[in-house]
Amino acid sequence: MSSDTVSPLKKCEYYYFEVHMLYELRYEFSFLEN
């Protein structure tokens, strides 16, 4: 039962991390281009 609650949380955490990394890359790219 405890794994049921942990799984979605971990997925959310992973997703947030991915989005954050993408944003950082995009920001760096735009900074280099300007």
PDB file of N, CA and C in Angstrom:
ATOM      1  N   MET A   1       0.826  -1.200   0.000  1.00  0.00           N
ATOM      2  CA  MET A   1       0.000   0.000   0.000  1.00  0.00           C
ATOM      3  C   MET A   1       0.869   1.262   0.000  1.00  0.00           C
ATOM      4  N   SER A   2       1.918   1.246   0.730  1.00  0.00           N
ATOM      5  CA  SER A   2       2.749   2.443   0.805  1.00  0.00           C
ATOM      6  C   SER A   2       3.408   2.734  -0.558  1.00  0.00           C
ATOM      7  N   SER A   3       3.692   1.694  -1.307  1.00  0.00           N
ATOM      8  CA  SER A   3       4.302   1.916  -2.628  1.00  0.00           C
ATOM      9  C   SER A   3       3.328   2.640  -3.566  1.00  0.00           C
ATOM     10  N   ASP A   4       2.031   2.445  -3.339  1.00  0.00           N
ATOM     11  CA  ASP A   4       1.027   3.110  -4.176  1.00  0.00           C
ATOM     12  C   ASP A   4       1.089   4.625  -4.034  1.00  0.00           C
ATOM     13  N   THR A   5       1.366   5.084  -2.838  1.00  0.00           N
ATOM     14  CA  THR A   5       1.414   6.530  -2.614  1.00  0.00           C
ATOM     15  C   THR A   5       2.769   7.099  -3.023  1.00  0.00           C
ATOM     16  N   VAL A   6       3.802   6.282  -2.926  1.00  0.00           N
ATOM     17  CA  VAL A   6       5.146   6.759  -3.266  1.00  0.00           C
ATOM     18  C   VAL A   6       5.323   6.865  -4.780  1.00  0.00           C
ATOM     19  N   SER A   7       4.782   5.931  -5.507  1.00  0.00           N
ATOM     20  CA  SER A   7       4.970   5.913  -6.964  1.00  0.00           C
ATOM     21  C   SER A   7       4.556   7.223  -7.648  1.00  0.00           C
ATOM     22  N   PRO A   8       3.327   7.687  -7.457  1.00  0.00           N
ATOM     23  CA  PRO A   8       2.898   8.932  -8.114  1.00  0.00           C
ATOM     24  C   PRO A   8       3.752  10.113  -7.686  1.00  0.00           C
ATOM     25  N   LEU A   9       4.128  10.140  -6.434  1.00  0.00           N
ATOM     26  CA  LEU A   9       4.950  11.240  -5.935  1.00  0.00           C
ATOM     27  C   LEU A   9       6.299  11.264  -6.660  1.00  0.00           C
ATOM     28  N   LYS A  10       6.893  10.109  -6.797  1.00  0.00           N
ATOM     29  CA  LYS A  10       8.190  10.034  -7.476  1.00  0.00           C
ATOM     30  C   LYS A  10       8.048  10.455  -8.929  1.00  0.00           C
ATOM     31  N   LYS A  11       6.955  10.044  -9.559  1.00  0.00           N
ATOM     32  CA  LYS A  11       6.715  10.420 -10.953  1.00  0.00           C
ATOM     33  C   LYS A  11       6.631  11.937 -11.068  1.00  0.00           C
ATOM     34  N   CYS A  12       5.913  12.536 -10.153  1.00  0.00           N
ATOM     35  CA  CYS A  12       5.747  13.994 -10.156  1.00  0.00           C
ATOM     36  C   CYS A  12       7.105  14.664  -9.974  1.00  0.00           C
ATOM     37  N   GLU A  13       7.862  14.145  -9.047  1.00  0.00           N
ATOM     38  CA  GLU A  13       9.174  14.724  -8.769  1.00  0.00           C
ATOM     39  C   GLU A  13      10.051  14.640 -10.015  1.00  0.00           C
ATOM     40  N   TYR A  14      10.048  13.483 -10.659  1.00  0.00           N
ATOM     41  CA  TYR A  14      10.857  13.276 -11.853  1.00  0.00           C
ATOM     42  C   TYR A  14      10.425  14.225 -12.969  1.00  0.00           C
ATOM     43  N   TYR A  15       9.120  14.365 -13.136  1.00  0.00           N
ATOM     44  CA  TYR A  15       8.586  15.241 -14.172  1.00  0.00           C
ATOM     45  C   TYR A  15       9.008  16.689 -13.916  1.00  0.00           C
ATOM     46  N   TYR A  16       8.885  17.105 -12.681  1.00  0.00           N
ATOM     47  CA  TYR A  16       9.262  18.476 -12.322  1.00  0.00           C
ATOM     48  C   TYR A  16      10.739  18.701 -12.618  1.00  0.00           C
ATOM     49  N   PHE A  17      11.558  17.725 -12.289  1.00  0.00           N
ATOM     50  CA  PHE A  17      12.990  17.830 -12.528  1.00  0.00           C
ATOM     51  C   PHE A  17      13.276  17.971 -14.023  1.00  0.00           C
ATOM     52  N   GLU A  18      12.615  17.169 -14.825  1.00  0.00           N
ATOM     53  CA  GLU A  18      12.798  17.218 -16.278  1.00  0.00           C
ATOM     54  C   GLU A  18      12.438  18.598 -16.812  1.00  0.00           C
ATOM     55  N   VAL A  19      11.294  19.108 -16.388  1.00  0.00           N
ATOM     56  CA  VAL A  19      10.836  20.420 -16.855  1.00  0.00           C
ATOM     57  C   VAL A  19      11.832  21.501 -16.450  1.00  0.00           C
ATOM     58  N   HIS A  20      12.313  21.404 -15.240  1.00  0.00           N
ATOM     59  CA  HIS A  20      13.273  22.392 -14.752  1.00  0.00           C
ATOM     60  C   HIS A  20      14.536  22.386 -15.612  1.00  0.00           C
ATOM     61  N   MET A  21      15.020  21.196 -15.926  1.00  0.00           N
ATOM     62  CA  MET A  21      16.219  21.091 -16.751  1.00  0.00           C
ATOM     63  C   MET A  21      15.984  21.672 -18.134  1.00  0.00           C
ATOM     64  N   LEU A  22      14.822  21.387 -18.713  1.00  0.00           N
ATOM     65  CA  LEU A  22      14.510  21.911 -20.033  1.00  0.00           C
ATOM     66  C   LEU A  22      14.488  23.440 -20.020  1.00  0.00           C
ATOM     67  N   TYR A  23      13.910  23.989 -18.980  1.00  0.00           N
ATOM     68  CA  TYR A  23      13.838  25.449 -18.867  1.00  0.00           C
ATOM     69  C   TYR A  23      15.238  26.048 -18.758  1.00  0.00           C
ATOM     70  N   GLU A  24      16.094  25.401 -17.984  1.00  0.00           N
ATOM     71  CA  GLU A  24      17.457  25.899 -17.819  1.00  0.00           C
ATOM     72  C   GLU A  24      18.186  25.876 -19.161  1.00  0.00           C
ATOM     73  N   LEU A  25      18.035  24.793 -19.898  1.00  0.00           N
ATOM     74  CA  LEU A  25      18.696  24.682 -21.195  1.00  0.00           C
ATOM     75  C   LEU A  25      18.198  25.766 -22.140  1.00  0.00           C
ATOM     76  N   ARG A  26      16.915  25.980 -22.155  1.00  0.00           N
ATOM     77  CA  ARG A  26      16.323  26.968 -23.041  1.00  0.00           C
ATOM     78  C   ARG A  26      16.841  28.363 -22.691  1.00  0.00           C
ATOM     79  N   TYR A  27      16.900  28.617 -21.403  1.00  0.00           N
ATOM     80  CA  TYR A  27      17.367  29.927 -20.946  1.00  0.00           C
ATOM     81  C   TYR A  27      18.820  30.148 -21.373  1.00  0.00           C
ATOM     82  N   GLU A  28      19.631  29.141 -21.196  1.00  0.00           N
ATOM     83  CA  GLU A  28      21.041  29.249 -21.587  1.00  0.00           C
ATOM     84  C   GLU A  28      21.162  29.441 -23.093  1.00  0.00           C
ATOM     85  N   PHE A  29      20.357  28.739 -23.837  1.00  0.00           N
ATOM     86  CA  PHE A  29      20.400  28.850 -25.290  1.00  0.00           C
ATOM     87  C   PHE A  29      20.068  30.268 -25.741  1.00  0.00           C
ATOM     88  N   SER A  30      18.992  30.804 -25.197  1.00  0.00           N
ATOM     89  CA  SER A  30      18.580  32.153 -25.586  1.00  0.00           C
ATOM     90  C   SER A  30      19.645  33.163 -25.162  1.00  0.00           C
ATOM     91  N   PHE A  31      20.292  32.903 -24.055  1.00  0.00           N
ATOM     92  CA  PHE A  31      21.324  33.818 -23.573  1.00  0.00           C
ATOM     93  C   PHE A  31      22.526  33.801 -24.522  1.00  0.00           C
ATOM     94  N   LEU A  32      22.867  32.618 -24.999  1.00  0.00           N
ATOM     95  CA  LEU A  32      23.996  32.503 -25.921  1.00  0.00           C
ATOM     96  C   LEU A  32      23.679  33.140 -27.265  1.00  0.00           C
ATOM     97  N   GLU A  33      22.448  32.998 -27.690  1.00  0.00           N
ATOM     98  CA  GLU A  33      22.066  33.529 -29.004  1.00  0.00           C
ATOM     99  C   GLU A  33      22.053  35.053 -29.020  1.00  0.00           C
ATOM    100  N   ASN A  34      21.718  35.656 -27.896  1.00  0.00           N
ATOM    101  CA  ASN A  34      21.617  37.120 -27.882  1.00  0.00           C
ATOM    102  C   ASN A  34      22.970  37.811 -27.813  1.00  0.00           C
TER     103      ASN A  34
END
